[in-house]
C-alpha atoms as a PDB file:
ATOM      1  CA  UNK A   1     -10.321 -29.759  79.246  1.00  0.00           C
ATOM      2  CA  UNK A   2      -7.153 -27.684  79.359  1.00  0.00           C
ATOM      3  CA  UNK A   3      -5.469 -30.379  81.467  1.00  0.00           C
ATOM      4  CA  UNK A   4      -6.391 -33.080  78.922  1.00  0.00           C
ATOM      5  CA  UNK A   5      -4.919 -31.040  76.018  1.00  0.00           C
ATOM      6  CA  UNK A   6      -1.797 -30.352  78.038  1.00  0.00           C
ATOM      7  CA  UNK A   7      -1.430 -34.056  78.915  1.00  0.00           C
ATOM      8  CA  UNK A   8      -1.827 -35.077  75.244  1.00  0.00           C
ATOM      9  CA  UNK A   9       0.663 -32.375  74.221  1.00  0.00           C
ATOM     10  CA  UNK A  10       3.100 -33.559  76.885  1.00  0.00           C
ATOM     11  CA  UNK A  11       2.725 -37.226  75.884  1.00  0.00           C
ATOM     12  CA  UNK A  12       3.279 -36.413  72.215  1.00  0.00           C
ATOM     13  CA  UNK A  13       6.426 -34.428  73.042  1.00  0.00           C
ATOM     14  CA  UNK A  14       7.760 -37.258  75.202  1.00  0.00           C
ATOM     15  CA  UNK A  15       6.985 -39.713  72.405  1.00  0.00           C
ATOM     16  CA  UNK A  16       8.794 -37.669  69.710  1.00  0.00           C
ATOM     17  CA  UNK A  17      11.735 -36.902  71.981  1.00  0.00           C
ATOM     18  CA  UNK A  18      12.129 -40.610  72.768  1.00  0.00           C
ATOM     19  CA  UNK A  19      12.142 -41.416  69.043  1.00  0.00           C
ATOM     20  CA  UNK A  20      14.804 -38.781  68.435  1.00  0.00           C
ATOM     21  CA  UNK A  21      16.858 -40.012  71.360  1.00  0.00           C
ATOM     22  CA  UNK A  22      16.764 -43.591  70.040  1.00  0.00           C
ATOM     23  CA  UNK A  23      17.789 -42.552  66.553  1.00  0.00           C
ATOM     24  CA  UNK A  24      21.294 -43.831  65.843  1.00  0.00           C
ATOM     25  CA  UNK A  25      23.858 -41.705  64.119  1.00  0.00           C
ATOM     26  CA  UNK A  26      24.236 -42.972  60.574  1.00  0.00           C
ATOM     27  CA  UNK A  27      27.870 -43.596  59.828  1.00  0.00           C
ATOM     28  CA  UNK A  28      29.075 -43.340  56.280  1.00  0.00           C
ATOM     29  CA  UNK A  29      30.802 -46.541  55.249  1.00  0.00           C
ATOM     30  CA  UNK A  30      33.473 -45.902  52.661  1.00  0.00           C
ATOM     31  CA  UNK A  31      33.731 -48.551  49.959  1.00  0.00           C
ATOM     32  CA  UNK A  32      37.210 -50.003  49.655  1.00  0.00           C
ATOM     33  CA  UNK A  33      38.605 -49.146  46.250  1.00  0.00           C
ATOM     34  CA  UNK A  34      39.227 -52.223  44.101  1.00  0.00           C
ATOM     35  CA  UNK A  35      42.158 -52.056  41.686  1.00  0.00           C
ATOM     36  CA  UNK A  36      42.979 -54.126  38.619  1.00  0.00           C
ATOM     37  CA  UNK A  37      45.430 -56.945  39.283  1.00  0.00           C
ATOM     38  CA  UNK A  38      47.103 -58.342  36.161  1.00  0.00           C
ATOM     39  CA  UNK A  39      47.035 -62.147  36.362  1.00  0.00           C
ATOM     40  CA  UNK A  40      47.593 -62.957  32.730  1.00  0.00           C
ATOM     41  CA  UNK A  41      47.503 -61.885  29.126  1.00  0.00           C
ATOM     42  CA  UNK A  42      44.805 -62.663  26.564  1.00  0.00           C
ATOM     43  CA  UNK A  43      45.033 -62.440  22.776  1.00  0.00           C
ATOM     44  CA  UNK A  44      42.005 -62.328  20.473  1.00  0.00           C
ATOM     45  CA  UNK A  45      42.611 -63.559  16.905  1.00  0.00           C
ATOM     46  CA  UNK A  46      40.318 -62.278  14.151  1.00  0.00           C
ATOM     47  CA  UNK A  47      39.126 -65.164  11.970  1.00  0.00           C
ATOM     48  CA  UNK A  48      38.718 -62.926   8.935  1.00  0.00           C
ATOM     49  CA  UNK A  49      42.257 -61.533   8.625  1.00  0.00           C
ATOM     50  CA  UNK A  50      44.334 -63.027  11.482  1.00  0.00           C
ATOM     51  CA  UNK A  51      44.896 -59.641  13.134  1.00  0.00           C
ATOM     52  CA  UNK A  52      45.135 -59.814  16.890  1.00  0.00           C
ATOM     53  CA  UNK A  53      44.353 -57.744  19.960  1.00  0.00           C
ATOM     54  CA  UNK A  54      46.199 -58.359  23.214  1.00  0.00           C
ATOM     55  CA  UNK A  55      45.073 -57.248  26.651  1.00  0.00           C
ATOM     56  CA  UNK A  56      45.937 -57.725  30.308  1.00  0.00           C
ATOM     57  CA  UNK A  57      43.426 -59.841  32.202  1.00  0.00           C
ATOM     58  CA  UNK A  58      42.341 -60.471  35.722  1.00  0.00           C
ATOM     59  CA  UNK A  59      40.976 -63.985  36.291  1.00  0.00           C
ATOM     60  CA  UNK A  60      37.689 -64.842  38.001  1.00  0.00           C
ATOM     61  CA  UNK A  61      37.665 -68.581  38.663  1.00  0.00           C
ATOM     62  CA  UNK A  62      36.534 -68.950  42.282  1.00  0.00           C
ATOM     63  CA  UNK A  63      32.907 -68.657  43.405  1.00  0.00           C
ATOM     64  CA  UNK A  64      33.648 -65.360  45.156  1.00  0.00           C
ATOM     65  CA  UNK A  65      35.510 -63.844  42.191  1.00  0.00           C
ATOM     66  CA  UNK A  66      32.834 -64.995  39.746  1.00  0.00           C
ATOM     67  CA  UNK A  67      30.029 -63.531  41.883  1.00  0.00           C
ATOM     68  CA  UNK A  68      31.885 -60.240  42.446  1.00  0.00           C
ATOM     69  CA  UNK A  69      33.387 -59.755  38.978  1.00  0.00           C
ATOM     70  CA  UNK A  70      33.976 -56.086  38.204  1.00  0.00           C
ATOM     71  CA  UNK A  71      31.544 -54.797  40.836  1.00  0.00           C
ATOM     72  CA  UNK A  72      32.530 -51.659  42.746  1.00  0.00           C
ATOM     73  CA  UNK A  73      35.249 -50.644  40.254  1.00  0.00           C
ATOM     74  CA  UNK A  74      35.399 -47.028  39.183  1.00  0.00           C
ATOM     75  CA  UNK A  75      37.218 -47.642  35.898  1.00  0.00           C
ATOM     76  CA  UNK A  76      39.199 -50.040  33.769  1.00  0.00           C
ATOM     77  CA  UNK A  77      41.823 -49.265  31.120  1.00  0.00           C
ATOM     78  CA  UNK A  78      41.154 -49.963  27.438  1.00  0.00           C
ATOM     79  CA  UNK A  79      43.572 -52.900  27.216  1.00  0.00           C
ATOM     80  CA  UNK A  80      42.302 -54.591  30.389  1.00  0.00           C
ATOM     81  CA  UNK A  81      39.559 -57.124  30.992  1.00  0.00           C
ATOM     82  CA  UNK A  82      38.282 -59.774  33.346  1.00  0.00           C
ATOM     83  CA  UNK A  83      38.166 -63.377  32.166  1.00  0.00           C
ATOM     84  CA  UNK A  84      35.663 -65.634  33.928  1.00  0.00           C
ATOM     85  CA  UNK A  85      36.683 -69.277  33.779  1.00  0.00           C
ATOM     86  CA  UNK A  86      33.996 -71.861  34.531  1.00  0.00           C
ATOM     87  CA  UNK A  87      34.361 -75.616  35.102  1.00  0.00           C
ATOM     88  CA  UNK A  88      31.779 -76.481  32.464  1.00  0.00           C
ATOM     89  CA  UNK A  89      30.230 -75.162  29.283  1.00  0.00           C
ATOM     90  CA  UNK A  90      26.584 -74.119  29.564  1.00  0.00           C
ATOM     91  CA  UNK A  91      24.341 -71.133  28.838  1.00  0.00           C
ATOM     92  CA  UNK A  92      25.494 -68.172  30.969  1.00  0.00           C
ATOM     93  CA  UNK A  93      23.588 -65.212  32.346  1.00  0.00           C
ATOM     94  CA  UNK A  94      25.373 -62.082  33.576  1.00  0.00           C
ATOM     95  CA  UNK A  95      24.013 -58.842  35.004  1.00  0.00           C
ATOM     96  CA  UNK A  96      25.433 -55.477  36.084  1.00  0.00           C
ATOM     97  CA  UNK A  97      24.434 -55.310  39.758  1.00  0.00           C
ATOM     98  CA  UNK A  98      26.827 -52.979  41.635  1.00  0.00           C
ATOM     99  CA  UNK A  99      28.909 -52.534  38.475  1.00  0.00           C
ATOM    100  CA  UNK A 100      29.757 -48.868  37.956  1.00  0.00           C
ATOM    101  CA  UNK A 101      31.263 -48.986  34.455  1.00  0.00           C
ATOM    102  CA  UNK A 102      29.539 -49.925  31.165  1.00  0.00           C
ATOM    103  CA  UNK A 103      30.850 -53.176  29.705  1.00  0.00           C
ATOM    104  CA  UNK A 104      30.872 -55.380  26.639  1.00  0.00           C
ATOM    105  CA  UNK A 105      30.371 -59.010  27.673  1.00  0.00           C
ATOM    106  CA  UNK A 106      31.902 -61.605  25.354  1.00  0.00           C
ATOM    107  CA  UNK A 107      30.772 -65.242  25.668  1.00  0.00           C
ATOM    108  CA  UNK A 108      33.299 -67.876  24.611  1.00  0.00           C
ATOM    109  CA  UNK A 109      33.012 -71.638  23.988  1.00  0.00           C
ATOM    110  CA  UNK A 110      35.184 -74.374  25.484  1.00  0.00           C
ATOM    111  CA  UNK A 111      37.082 -74.267  22.175  1.00  0.00           C
ATOM    112  CA  UNK A 112      37.951 -70.607  22.940  1.00  0.00           C
ATOM    113  CA  UNK A 113      35.819 -69.239  20.114  1.00  0.00           C
ATOM    114  CA  UNK A 114      33.461 -66.274  20.566  1.00  0.00           C
ATOM    115  CA  UNK A 115      29.835 -67.465  20.501  1.00  0.00           C
ATOM    116  CA  UNK A 116      27.996 -64.207  21.335  1.00  0.00           C
ATOM    117  CA  UNK A 117      28.172 -60.683  22.780  1.00  0.00           C
ATOM    118  CA  UNK A 118      26.196 -58.398  25.019  1.00  0.00           C
ATOM    119  CA  UNK A 119      27.347 -54.912  24.032  1.00  0.00           C
ATOM    120  CA  UNK A 120      27.189 -51.792  26.194  1.00  0.00           C
ATOM    121  CA  UNK A 121      25.774 -53.393  29.337  1.00  0.00           C
ATOM    122  CA  UNK A 122      24.484 -50.539  31.479  1.00  0.00           C
ATOM    123  CA  UNK A 123      25.878 -49.863  34.972  1.00  0.00           C
ATOM    124  CA  UNK A 124      23.750 -51.110  37.889  1.00  0.00           C
ATOM    125  CA  UNK A 125      21.213 -52.762  35.531  1.00  0.00           C
ATOM    126  CA  UNK A 126      20.029 -56.110  36.909  1.00  0.00           C
ATOM    127  CA  UNK A 127      18.517 -57.277  33.629  1.00  0.00           C
ATOM    128  CA  UNK A 128      19.730 -60.757  32.671  1.00  0.00           C
ATOM    129  CA  UNK A 129      22.245 -60.714  29.811  1.00  0.00           C
ATOM    130  CA  UNK A 130      22.259 -64.248  28.334  1.00  0.00           C
ATOM    131  CA  UNK A 131      24.941 -65.934  26.271  1.00  0.00           C
ATOM    132  CA  UNK A 132      22.248 -67.525  24.054  1.00  0.00           C
ATOM    133  CA  UNK A 133      24.665 -70.429  23.463  1.00  0.00           C
ATOM    134  CA  UNK A 134      26.771 -72.517  25.854  1.00  0.00           C
ATOM    135  CA  UNK A 135      29.932 -70.771  27.098  1.00  0.00           C
ATOM    136  CA  UNK A 136      32.822 -71.890  29.281  1.00  0.00           C
ATOM    137  CA  UNK A 137      34.515 -68.478  29.389  1.00  0.00           C
ATOM    138  CA  UNK A 138      33.233 -64.922  29.628  1.00  0.00           C
ATOM    139  CA  UNK A 139      35.360 -61.863  28.939  1.00  0.00           C
ATOM    140  CA  UNK A 140      34.292 -58.451  30.241  1.00  0.00           C
ATOM    141  CA  UNK A 141      35.882 -55.372  28.663  1.00  0.00           C
ATOM    142  CA  UNK A 142      34.972 -51.694  28.521  1.00  0.00           C
ATOM    143  CA  UNK A 143      31.843 -50.901  26.527  1.00  0.00           C
ATOM    144  CA  UNK A 144      32.566 -50.189  22.868  1.00  0.00           C
ATOM    145  CA  UNK A 145      35.615 -52.442  22.578  1.00  0.00           C
ATOM    146  CA  UNK A 146      33.785 -55.191  20.657  1.00  0.00           C
ATOM    147  CA  UNK A 147      33.018 -52.659  17.912  1.00  0.00           C
ATOM    148  CA  UNK A 148      36.386 -50.874  18.134  1.00  0.00           C
ATOM    149  CA  UNK A 149      38.276 -54.151  17.781  1.00  0.00           C
ATOM    150  CA  UNK A 150      35.801 -55.335  15.073  1.00  0.00           C
ATOM    151  CA  UNK A 151      35.206 -58.633  16.892  1.00  0.00           C
ATOM    152  CA  UNK A 152      32.931 -61.261  15.386  1.00  0.00           C
ATOM    153  CA  UNK A 153      31.339 -64.525  16.421  1.00  0.00           C
ATOM    154  CA  UNK A 154      33.887 -67.208  15.522  1.00  0.00           C
ATOM    155  CA  UNK A 155      36.965 -65.151  16.449  1.00  0.00           C
ATOM    156  CA  UNK A 156      39.238 -67.130  18.754  1.00  0.00           C
ATOM    157  CA  UNK A 157      41.359 -66.353  21.752  1.00  0.00           C
ATOM    158  CA  UNK A 158      44.137 -67.711  23.845  1.00  0.00           C
ATOM    159  CA  UNK A 159      45.373 -66.681  27.248  1.00  0.00           C
ATOM    160  CA  UNK A 160      48.258 -67.374  29.550  1.00  0.00           C
ATOM    161  CA  UNK A 161      48.578 -66.764  33.265  1.00  0.00           C
ATOM    162  CA  UNK A 162      51.508 -64.921  34.844  1.00  0.00           C
END
């Protein structure tokens, strides 16, 4: 009886020691910091009083850039944004997967007029944020800018690349 208990004890110890020995050291992978790269300038024109707001933009027009967007960024300055440029105009759906900063998402028609907003999109939230109307362009800016700049559906924009 004692020999059986000892054998079970010994087998269990060998089992747990083998698990510990096989355990790999977990290495911490440091995320490469992504910085804003000015690729153009965008101006928003208010339809109500013709005032304008100008900001520096980074362009997302390749599949990779469109899929990555502002993911993994720690911050963005007030007068900066990312402009997504699509080949066609259709309903768009964005989400905040791996996005660390809250954003306002501005959907824009092929005529460069604002068609809708998604304000204060929450970091890391994977909820779909639809345009509700067809959009060819999408502008992402820091959360709160739509209200601060008093933007409205129908306001227009223009941009130029560096």
